[in-house]
N, C-alpha and C. Protein backbone atom coordinates (compact mmCIF):
# COMPACT_ATOMS: atom_id res chain seq x y z
N UNK A 1 -5.67 8.59 25.07
CA UNK A 1 -6.36 7.30 25.23
C UNK A 1 -6.76 6.77 23.85
N UNK A 2 -6.64 5.50 23.69
CA UNK A 2 -7.00 4.87 22.43
C UNK A 2 -7.95 3.72 22.74
N UNK A 3 -9.02 3.58 21.96
CA UNK A 3 -9.92 2.44 22.15
C UNK A 3 -9.75 1.48 20.96
N UNK A 4 -9.79 0.21 21.26
CA UNK A 4 -9.59 -0.79 20.24
C UNK A 4 -10.83 -1.66 20.17
N UNK A 5 -11.32 -1.90 18.94
CA UNK A 5 -12.50 -2.76 18.73
C UNK A 5 -12.09 -3.86 17.75
N UNK A 6 -12.15 -5.13 18.20
CA UNK A 6 -11.77 -6.26 17.39
C UNK A 6 -13.02 -7.14 17.18
N UNK A 7 -13.30 -7.42 15.91
CA UNK A 7 -14.39 -8.32 15.59
C UNK A 7 -13.83 -9.39 14.67
N UNK A 8 -13.67 -10.63 15.21
CA UNK A 8 -13.04 -11.67 14.42
C UNK A 8 -11.61 -11.22 14.12
N UNK A 9 -11.24 -11.12 12.84
CA UNK A 9 -9.93 -10.65 12.47
C UNK A 9 -9.94 -9.22 11.98
N UNK A 10 -11.06 -8.51 12.16
CA UNK A 10 -11.16 -7.09 11.74
C UNK A 10 -10.80 -6.26 12.97
N UNK A 11 -10.12 -5.17 12.71
CA UNK A 11 -9.62 -4.32 13.77
C UNK A 11 -9.98 -2.87 13.50
N UNK A 12 -10.47 -2.15 14.52
CA UNK A 12 -10.70 -0.74 14.46
C UNK A 12 -10.14 -0.06 15.67
N UNK A 13 -9.40 0.99 15.49
CA UNK A 13 -8.80 1.71 16.58
C UNK A 13 -9.18 3.18 16.50
N UNK A 14 -9.59 3.76 17.62
CA UNK A 14 -10.04 5.15 17.71
C UNK A 14 -9.14 5.94 18.66
N UNK A 15 -8.87 7.17 18.33
CA UNK A 15 -8.07 8.01 19.23
C UNK A 15 -8.94 8.62 20.29
N UNK A 16 -8.35 9.47 21.15
CA UNK A 16 -9.05 10.01 22.29
C UNK A 16 -10.25 10.88 21.95
N UNK A 17 -10.29 11.41 20.74
CA UNK A 17 -11.47 12.23 20.37
C UNK A 17 -12.47 11.50 19.50
N UNK A 18 -12.27 10.17 19.37
CA UNK A 18 -13.24 9.36 18.64
C UNK A 18 -12.99 9.25 17.17
N UNK A 19 -11.88 9.78 16.68
CA UNK A 19 -11.53 9.66 15.27
C UNK A 19 -10.94 8.28 15.00
N UNK A 20 -11.45 7.65 14.02
CA UNK A 20 -10.97 6.31 13.69
C UNK A 20 -9.57 6.39 13.12
N UNK A 21 -8.60 5.73 13.77
CA UNK A 21 -7.23 5.76 13.30
C UNK A 21 -7.01 4.60 12.32
N UNK A 22 -7.46 3.45 12.68
CA UNK A 22 -7.33 2.25 11.87
C UNK A 22 -8.69 1.58 11.80
N UNK A 23 -9.09 1.16 10.63
CA UNK A 23 -10.36 0.48 10.53
C UNK A 23 -10.47 -0.43 9.32
N UNK A 24 -11.32 -1.41 9.43
CA UNK A 24 -11.56 -2.35 8.37
C UNK A 24 -10.27 -3.01 7.83
N UNK A 25 -9.39 -3.34 8.72
CA UNK A 25 -8.15 -3.99 8.34
C UNK A 25 -8.01 -5.28 9.17
N UNK A 26 -7.28 -6.21 8.64
CA UNK A 26 -6.99 -7.40 9.37
C UNK A 26 -5.97 -7.10 10.46
N UNK A 27 -5.90 -7.91 11.44
CA UNK A 27 -4.96 -7.73 12.54
C UNK A 27 -3.54 -7.84 11.98
N UNK A 28 -3.33 -8.70 11.02
CA UNK A 28 -1.99 -8.88 10.38
C UNK A 28 -1.57 -7.58 9.71
N UNK A 29 -2.49 -6.92 9.01
CA UNK A 29 -2.18 -5.65 8.32
C UNK A 29 -1.79 -4.62 9.36
N UNK A 30 -2.55 -4.53 10.46
CA UNK A 30 -2.25 -3.54 11.47
C UNK A 30 -0.89 -3.80 12.13
N UNK A 31 -0.59 -5.04 12.46
CA UNK A 31 0.69 -5.36 13.06
C UNK A 31 1.82 -5.06 12.12
N UNK A 32 1.64 -5.30 10.84
CA UNK A 32 2.66 -4.93 9.85
C UNK A 32 2.86 -3.43 9.82
N UNK A 33 1.79 -2.68 9.90
CA UNK A 33 1.87 -1.20 9.92
C UNK A 33 2.62 -0.75 11.18
N UNK A 34 2.32 -1.33 12.32
CA UNK A 34 2.97 -0.95 13.56
C UNK A 34 4.43 -1.25 13.53
N UNK A 35 4.83 -2.35 12.91
CA UNK A 35 6.27 -2.71 12.74
C UNK A 35 6.93 -1.64 11.89
N UNK A 36 6.24 -1.22 10.82
CA UNK A 36 6.78 -0.19 9.95
C UNK A 36 6.96 1.13 10.72
N UNK A 37 5.97 1.46 11.57
CA UNK A 37 6.02 2.70 12.37
C UNK A 37 7.23 2.73 13.30
N UNK A 38 7.56 1.56 13.89
CA UNK A 38 8.71 1.47 14.75
C UNK A 38 9.98 1.75 13.97
N UNK A 39 10.05 1.25 12.75
CA UNK A 39 11.25 1.38 11.95
C UNK A 39 11.33 2.80 11.35
N UNK A 40 10.23 3.54 11.33
CA UNK A 40 10.20 4.71 10.49
C UNK A 40 10.73 6.00 11.07
N UNK A 41 11.20 6.05 12.32
CA UNK A 41 11.78 7.29 12.84
C UNK A 41 12.89 7.79 11.94
N UNK A 42 13.80 6.95 11.55
CA UNK A 42 14.85 7.34 10.63
C UNK A 42 14.29 7.71 9.25
N UNK A 43 13.29 6.97 8.87
CA UNK A 43 12.66 7.20 7.57
C UNK A 43 11.91 8.53 7.57
N UNK A 44 11.25 8.88 8.68
CA UNK A 44 10.58 10.16 8.80
C UNK A 44 11.59 11.30 8.66
N UNK A 45 12.69 11.17 9.36
CA UNK A 45 13.74 12.21 9.30
C UNK A 45 14.31 12.30 7.88
N UNK A 46 14.49 11.18 7.24
CA UNK A 46 14.99 11.18 5.88
C UNK A 46 14.00 11.86 4.90
N UNK A 47 12.72 11.58 5.12
CA UNK A 47 11.67 12.23 4.28
C UNK A 47 11.72 13.74 4.42
N UNK A 48 11.88 14.23 5.64
CA UNK A 48 11.98 15.66 5.87
C UNK A 48 13.20 16.24 5.12
N UNK A 49 14.32 15.56 5.24
CA UNK A 49 15.53 16.01 4.57
C UNK A 49 15.36 16.01 3.05
N UNK A 50 14.76 14.97 2.50
CA UNK A 50 14.55 14.84 1.07
C UNK A 50 13.65 15.96 0.56
N UNK A 51 12.80 16.50 1.37
CA UNK A 51 11.92 17.60 0.93
C UNK A 51 12.49 18.98 1.34
N UNK A 52 13.77 18.98 1.72
CA UNK A 52 14.41 20.27 2.03
C UNK A 52 13.96 20.89 3.34
N UNK A 53 13.50 20.08 4.28
CA UNK A 53 13.02 20.60 5.53
C UNK A 53 14.02 20.22 6.66
N UNK A 54 14.22 21.17 7.54
CA UNK A 54 15.09 20.90 8.69
C UNK A 54 14.34 19.92 9.63
N UNK A 55 15.09 19.01 10.21
CA UNK A 55 14.48 18.01 11.12
C UNK A 55 14.35 18.61 12.51
N UNK A 56 13.06 18.72 12.97
CA UNK A 56 12.78 19.19 14.32
C UNK A 56 11.85 18.15 14.96
N UNK A 57 11.77 18.17 16.29
CA UNK A 57 10.88 17.23 16.99
C UNK A 57 9.45 17.43 16.50
N UNK A 58 9.02 18.66 16.36
CA UNK A 58 7.64 18.95 15.94
C UNK A 58 7.39 18.36 14.56
N UNK A 59 8.26 18.59 13.60
CA UNK A 59 8.04 18.09 12.26
C UNK A 59 8.04 16.57 12.20
N UNK A 60 8.90 15.93 12.98
CA UNK A 60 8.91 14.46 13.03
C UNK A 60 7.59 13.98 13.61
N UNK A 61 7.13 14.60 14.69
CA UNK A 61 5.88 14.15 15.33
C UNK A 61 4.66 14.37 14.42
N UNK A 62 4.65 15.50 13.74
CA UNK A 62 3.54 15.78 12.83
C UNK A 62 3.53 14.77 11.66
N UNK A 63 4.68 14.52 11.09
CA UNK A 63 4.78 13.53 9.99
C UNK A 63 4.38 12.14 10.47
N UNK A 64 4.86 11.76 11.69
CA UNK A 64 4.46 10.45 12.24
C UNK A 64 2.98 10.39 12.45
N UNK A 65 2.39 11.48 12.93
CA UNK A 65 0.93 11.51 13.16
C UNK A 65 0.16 11.26 11.87
N UNK A 66 0.59 11.95 10.81
CA UNK A 66 -0.07 11.74 9.53
C UNK A 66 0.18 10.32 8.99
N UNK A 67 1.36 9.81 9.21
CA UNK A 67 1.70 8.43 8.75
C UNK A 67 0.90 7.36 9.43
N UNK A 68 0.45 7.67 10.66
CA UNK A 68 -0.30 6.67 11.46
C UNK A 68 -1.81 6.71 11.22
N UNK A 69 -2.26 7.65 10.38
CA UNK A 69 -3.69 7.76 10.07
C UNK A 69 -3.96 7.43 8.61
N UNK A 70 -5.08 6.80 8.37
CA UNK A 70 -5.46 6.42 7.00
C UNK A 70 -6.31 7.45 6.31
N UNK A 71 -6.73 8.49 7.04
CA UNK A 71 -7.55 9.50 6.47
C UNK A 71 -6.92 10.88 6.67
N UNK A 72 -7.46 11.85 5.96
CA UNK A 72 -6.93 13.23 6.10
C UNK A 72 -7.23 13.77 7.50
N UNK A 73 -6.42 14.72 7.91
CA UNK A 73 -6.54 15.30 9.25
C UNK A 73 -6.65 16.79 9.15
N UNK A 74 -7.30 17.39 10.15
CA UNK A 74 -7.43 18.85 10.20
C UNK A 74 -6.40 19.41 11.18
N UNK A 75 -6.24 20.73 11.14
CA UNK A 75 -5.32 21.35 12.08
C UNK A 75 -5.81 21.13 13.53
N UNK A 76 -7.14 21.05 13.70
CA UNK A 76 -7.70 20.81 15.02
C UNK A 76 -7.33 19.43 15.53
N UNK A 77 -7.30 18.43 14.63
CA UNK A 77 -6.86 17.08 15.01
C UNK A 77 -5.42 17.14 15.55
N UNK A 78 -4.58 17.88 14.86
CA UNK A 78 -3.19 18.04 15.32
C UNK A 78 -3.12 18.71 16.69
N UNK A 79 -3.86 19.79 16.85
CA UNK A 79 -3.88 20.54 18.10
C UNK A 79 -4.30 19.66 19.24
N UNK A 80 -5.35 18.82 19.05
CA UNK A 80 -5.87 17.97 20.08
C UNK A 80 -4.91 16.84 20.45
N UNK A 81 -4.18 16.35 19.48
CA UNK A 81 -3.29 15.20 19.72
C UNK A 81 -1.85 15.57 20.04
N UNK A 82 -1.41 16.70 19.54
CA UNK A 82 -0.02 17.12 19.79
C UNK A 82 -0.05 18.43 20.61
N UNK A 83 -0.63 18.33 21.80
CA UNK A 83 -0.88 19.53 22.60
C UNK A 83 0.42 20.13 23.19
N UNK A 84 1.53 19.48 23.00
CA UNK A 84 2.81 20.06 23.48
C UNK A 84 3.26 21.19 22.57
N UNK A 85 2.63 21.33 21.41
CA UNK A 85 3.00 22.41 20.47
C UNK A 85 1.83 23.40 20.34
N UNK A 86 2.16 24.66 20.23
CA UNK A 86 1.12 25.66 20.10
C UNK A 86 0.54 25.66 18.70
N UNK A 87 -0.63 26.29 18.56
CA UNK A 87 -1.36 26.35 17.31
C UNK A 87 -0.53 26.97 16.19
N UNK A 88 0.21 28.04 16.47
CA UNK A 88 0.99 28.73 15.46
C UNK A 88 2.09 27.81 14.91
N UNK A 89 2.75 27.08 15.81
CA UNK A 89 3.83 26.18 15.39
C UNK A 89 3.26 25.07 14.49
N UNK A 90 2.14 24.50 14.88
CA UNK A 90 1.47 23.45 14.09
C UNK A 90 1.04 24.01 12.70
N UNK A 91 0.49 25.16 12.69
CA UNK A 91 0.02 25.81 11.47
C UNK A 91 1.18 26.04 10.51
N UNK A 92 2.31 26.57 11.06
CA UNK A 92 3.50 26.79 10.24
C UNK A 92 4.05 25.47 9.69
N UNK A 93 4.01 24.44 10.52
CA UNK A 93 4.48 23.13 10.09
C UNK A 93 3.62 22.62 8.96
N UNK A 94 2.32 22.70 9.09
CA UNK A 94 1.44 22.30 8.02
C UNK A 94 1.71 23.04 6.73
N UNK A 95 1.83 24.35 6.84
CA UNK A 95 2.14 25.13 5.62
C UNK A 95 3.45 24.81 4.98
N UNK A 96 4.48 24.57 5.79
CA UNK A 96 5.77 24.21 5.20
C UNK A 96 5.70 22.81 4.56
N UNK A 97 4.89 21.90 5.17
CA UNK A 97 4.76 20.58 4.57
C UNK A 97 4.01 20.66 3.24
N UNK A 98 3.05 21.54 3.16
CA UNK A 98 2.31 21.73 1.89
C UNK A 98 3.22 22.35 0.83
N UNK A 99 3.96 23.38 1.25
CA UNK A 99 4.87 24.08 0.33
C UNK A 99 5.97 23.16 -0.22
N UNK A 100 6.42 22.21 0.59
CA UNK A 100 7.51 21.33 0.17
C UNK A 100 7.01 20.00 -0.45
N UNK A 101 5.70 19.79 -0.55
CA UNK A 101 5.19 18.61 -1.22
C UNK A 101 5.08 17.39 -0.29
N UNK A 102 5.06 17.58 1.03
CA UNK A 102 4.94 16.47 1.97
C UNK A 102 3.45 16.17 2.17
N UNK A 103 2.65 17.23 2.29
CA UNK A 103 1.18 17.11 2.46
C UNK A 103 0.47 17.86 1.34
N UNK A 104 -0.77 17.49 1.09
CA UNK A 104 -1.60 18.26 0.22
C UNK A 104 -2.84 18.72 1.00
N UNK A 105 -3.29 19.91 0.63
CA UNK A 105 -4.42 20.52 1.30
C UNK A 105 -5.70 20.10 0.60
N UNK A 106 -6.71 19.72 1.35
CA UNK A 106 -8.00 19.31 0.83
C UNK A 106 -9.03 20.30 1.34
N UNK A 107 -9.59 21.11 0.47
CA UNK A 107 -10.56 22.09 0.96
C UNK A 107 -11.84 21.40 1.42
N UNK A 108 -12.48 22.00 2.38
CA UNK A 108 -13.76 21.47 2.87
C UNK A 108 -14.88 22.51 2.59
N UNK A 109 -16.08 22.06 2.59
CA UNK A 109 -17.23 22.97 2.32
C UNK A 109 -17.26 24.10 3.32
N UNK A 110 -16.80 23.85 4.54
CA UNK A 110 -16.85 24.87 5.60
C UNK A 110 -15.81 25.98 5.38
N UNK A 111 -14.90 25.77 4.49
CA UNK A 111 -13.82 26.75 4.26
C UNK A 111 -12.54 26.32 5.01
N UNK A 112 -12.65 25.44 5.96
CA UNK A 112 -11.47 24.88 6.61
C UNK A 112 -10.78 23.93 5.68
N UNK A 113 -9.64 23.43 6.07
CA UNK A 113 -8.92 22.48 5.24
C UNK A 113 -8.56 21.24 6.02
N UNK A 114 -8.46 20.17 5.30
CA UNK A 114 -7.87 18.92 5.83
C UNK A 114 -6.59 18.73 5.07
N UNK A 115 -5.75 17.84 5.61
CA UNK A 115 -4.42 17.62 5.02
C UNK A 115 -4.18 16.10 4.94
N UNK A 116 -3.54 15.69 3.86
CA UNK A 116 -3.21 14.28 3.66
C UNK A 116 -1.79 14.17 3.11
N UNK A 117 -1.16 13.06 3.33
CA UNK A 117 0.17 12.82 2.81
C UNK A 117 0.20 12.82 1.29
N UNK A 118 1.23 13.41 0.76
CA UNK A 118 1.47 13.36 -0.68
C UNK A 118 2.17 12.08 -1.06
N UNK A 119 2.09 11.79 -2.34
CA UNK A 119 2.81 10.62 -2.84
C UNK A 119 3.96 11.11 -3.71
N UNK A 120 4.63 10.21 -4.40
CA UNK A 120 5.86 10.56 -5.12
C UNK A 120 5.67 11.55 -6.26
N UNK A 121 4.41 11.76 -6.70
CA UNK A 121 4.16 12.68 -7.82
C UNK A 121 4.03 14.14 -7.39
N UNK A 122 4.30 14.45 -6.15
CA UNK A 122 4.24 15.85 -5.65
C UNK A 122 5.63 16.39 -5.45
N UNK A 123 5.77 17.65 -5.75
CA UNK A 123 7.03 18.34 -5.62
C UNK A 123 6.74 19.70 -4.99
N UNK A 124 7.76 20.37 -4.47
CA UNK A 124 7.52 21.68 -3.88
C UNK A 124 6.80 22.60 -4.86
N UNK A 125 5.68 23.16 -4.42
CA UNK A 125 4.90 24.06 -5.20
C UNK A 125 4.04 23.48 -6.30
N UNK A 126 4.12 22.15 -6.47
CA UNK A 126 3.34 21.50 -7.53
C UNK A 126 2.78 20.19 -7.01
N UNK A 127 1.47 20.21 -6.75
CA UNK A 127 0.81 19.02 -6.26
C UNK A 127 0.02 18.36 -7.37
N UNK A 128 0.22 17.07 -7.55
CA UNK A 128 -0.52 16.31 -8.57
C UNK A 128 -1.37 15.26 -7.84
N UNK A 129 -2.61 15.59 -7.63
CA UNK A 129 -3.52 14.66 -6.96
C UNK A 129 -4.71 14.43 -7.90
N UNK A 130 -4.52 13.41 -8.70
CA UNK A 130 -5.59 13.10 -9.70
C UNK A 130 -6.53 12.05 -9.13
N UNK A 131 -6.83 12.15 -7.84
CA UNK A 131 -7.75 11.22 -7.19
C UNK A 131 -8.87 11.97 -6.48
N UNK A 132 -9.87 11.21 -6.15
CA UNK A 132 -11.04 11.77 -5.48
C UNK A 132 -10.79 11.94 -4.00
N UNK A 133 -11.27 13.00 -3.40
CA UNK A 133 -11.27 13.17 -1.95
C UNK A 133 -12.73 12.98 -1.50
N UNK A 134 -12.92 12.02 -0.58
CA UNK A 134 -14.27 11.68 -0.14
C UNK A 134 -14.47 12.10 1.32
N UNK A 135 -15.55 12.84 1.56
CA UNK A 135 -15.90 13.25 2.91
C UNK A 135 -17.15 12.48 3.33
N UNK A 136 -17.07 11.83 4.49
CA UNK A 136 -18.19 11.07 5.02
C UNK A 136 -19.09 12.04 5.80
N UNK A 137 -20.36 12.07 5.40
CA UNK A 137 -21.32 12.92 6.10
C UNK A 137 -21.60 12.44 7.53
N UNK A 138 -21.41 11.16 7.78
CA UNK A 138 -21.71 10.59 9.10
C UNK A 138 -20.61 10.79 10.09
N UNK A 139 -19.35 10.39 9.77
CA UNK A 139 -18.27 10.43 10.73
C UNK A 139 -17.37 11.63 10.50
N UNK A 140 -17.44 12.29 9.31
CA UNK A 140 -16.63 13.44 9.03
C UNK A 140 -15.24 13.16 8.50
N UNK A 141 -14.87 11.88 8.43
CA UNK A 141 -13.52 11.57 7.94
C UNK A 141 -13.43 11.95 6.45
N UNK A 142 -12.22 12.36 6.05
CA UNK A 142 -11.91 12.69 4.68
C UNK A 142 -10.85 11.71 4.22
N UNK A 143 -11.12 11.05 3.11
CA UNK A 143 -10.19 10.05 2.59
C UNK A 143 -9.74 10.37 1.19
N UNK A 144 -8.53 10.03 0.87
CA UNK A 144 -8.05 10.10 -0.49
C UNK A 144 -8.38 8.74 -1.14
N UNK A 145 -9.18 8.75 -2.19
CA UNK A 145 -9.54 7.50 -2.88
C UNK A 145 -8.64 7.42 -4.11
N UNK A 146 -7.47 6.80 -3.94
CA UNK A 146 -6.45 6.73 -4.97
C UNK A 146 -6.93 5.96 -6.20
N UNK A 147 -7.84 5.02 -6.02
CA UNK A 147 -8.31 4.18 -7.14
C UNK A 147 -9.27 4.92 -8.02
N UNK A 148 -9.85 6.02 -7.57
CA UNK A 148 -10.76 6.81 -8.39
C UNK A 148 -9.98 7.99 -8.99
N UNK A 149 -9.57 7.83 -10.20
CA UNK A 149 -8.78 8.86 -10.88
C UNK A 149 -9.61 9.93 -11.53
N UNK A 150 -9.14 11.15 -11.45
CA UNK A 150 -9.83 12.28 -12.08
C UNK A 150 -9.07 12.62 -13.35
N UNK A 151 -9.78 12.74 -14.45
CA UNK A 151 -9.10 13.06 -15.71
C UNK A 151 -8.45 14.46 -15.67
N UNK A 152 -7.34 14.64 -16.40
CA UNK A 152 -6.70 15.92 -16.48
C UNK A 152 -7.64 16.92 -17.17
N UNK A 153 -7.64 18.11 -16.72
CA UNK A 153 -8.47 19.18 -17.31
C UNK A 153 -7.59 20.14 -18.02
N UNK A 154 -7.84 20.35 -19.29
CA UNK A 154 -7.10 21.29 -20.12
C UNK A 154 -7.86 22.61 -20.15
N UNK A 155 -7.23 23.64 -19.63
CA UNK A 155 -7.81 24.99 -19.63
C UNK A 155 -6.90 25.91 -20.44
N UNK A 156 -7.19 26.01 -21.72
CA UNK A 156 -6.33 26.86 -22.57
C UNK A 156 -6.20 28.29 -22.05
N UNK A 157 -4.96 28.74 -22.01
CA UNK A 157 -4.69 30.10 -21.51
C UNK A 157 -4.51 30.19 -19.99
N UNK A 158 -4.65 29.08 -19.31
CA UNK A 158 -4.51 29.03 -17.85
C UNK A 158 -3.44 28.06 -17.45
N UNK A 159 -2.77 28.34 -16.37
CA UNK A 159 -1.83 27.42 -15.78
C UNK A 159 -2.41 26.84 -14.51
N UNK A 160 -2.72 25.57 -14.52
CA UNK A 160 -3.32 24.89 -13.36
C UNK A 160 -2.23 24.51 -12.36
N UNK A 161 -2.33 25.03 -11.15
CA UNK A 161 -1.39 24.70 -10.09
C UNK A 161 -1.87 23.45 -9.32
N UNK A 162 -3.18 23.39 -9.13
CA UNK A 162 -3.72 22.29 -8.29
C UNK A 162 -5.20 22.17 -8.61
N UNK A 163 -5.71 20.96 -8.57
CA UNK A 163 -7.16 20.76 -8.68
C UNK A 163 -7.59 19.76 -7.64
N UNK A 164 -8.88 19.91 -7.27
CA UNK A 164 -9.46 19.03 -6.24
C UNK A 164 -10.80 18.55 -6.72
N UNK A 165 -11.05 17.28 -6.43
CA UNK A 165 -12.33 16.68 -6.75
C UNK A 165 -12.91 16.16 -5.46
N UNK A 166 -13.93 16.81 -4.97
CA UNK A 166 -14.53 16.42 -3.68
C UNK A 166 -15.85 15.72 -3.86
N UNK A 167 -16.02 14.64 -3.17
CA UNK A 167 -17.24 13.84 -3.17
C UNK A 167 -17.67 13.65 -1.73
N UNK A 168 -18.94 13.74 -1.43
CA UNK A 168 -19.40 13.47 -0.09
C UNK A 168 -20.52 12.40 -0.12
N UNK A 169 -20.65 11.76 0.99
CA UNK A 169 -21.66 10.66 1.11
C UNK A 169 -21.37 9.92 2.40
N UNK A 170 -21.57 8.60 2.38
CA UNK A 170 -21.31 7.78 3.58
C UNK A 170 -20.23 6.76 3.26
N UNK A 171 -19.23 6.74 4.14
CA UNK A 171 -18.08 5.81 3.91
C UNK A 171 -18.48 4.39 4.19
N UNK A 172 -17.57 3.45 3.79
CA UNK A 172 -17.83 2.05 3.96
C UNK A 172 -17.97 1.69 5.44
N UNK A 173 -17.19 2.26 6.29
CA UNK A 173 -17.25 1.95 7.71
C UNK A 173 -18.58 2.31 8.30
N UNK A 174 -19.07 3.50 7.99
CA UNK A 174 -20.36 3.98 8.53
C UNK A 174 -21.52 3.19 7.96
N UNK A 175 -21.39 2.79 6.66
CA UNK A 175 -22.47 2.01 6.05
C UNK A 175 -22.57 0.64 6.68
N UNK A 176 -21.47 0.09 7.15
CA UNK A 176 -21.44 -1.22 7.77
C UNK A 176 -21.99 -1.23 9.20
N UNK A 177 -22.11 -0.06 9.77
CA UNK A 177 -22.59 0.01 11.21
C UNK A 177 -24.09 0.01 11.30
């Protein structure tokens, strides 16, 4: 079940567990995104192939699920929304996506992880995320803030595989409520 909230030309859509799927966007932006989603089945399969992954129904559905959300997702989000797959299959899919540079892992204070789509600067085994990850204390959503760049850190004598910059507070959506 999905709930839709429209105020003027602003649109917010929530999934069955109350997680905001789309928010603070114009109706035109959302319709454009939905048109892209219809076209993207072939694109999703191509993305999997480009990252050296075999195309399976589960992988296509997981990638589509991430593509349809504007914030990072947890393994529990996947389990709740893609209940036709067991926890182990989803966990293996997440790990293979991280290993191949499709998703990046965002650590949480609880020790659990959230996952978000990688961009073109990620490759298998090497994630380059020089942006801030923001966790909202009110709604719990985790967002990649691409506009907030984190400077490169030089650690002489060390080889940096990945770095994360986590910020917590209240997101724009929750502040507006």
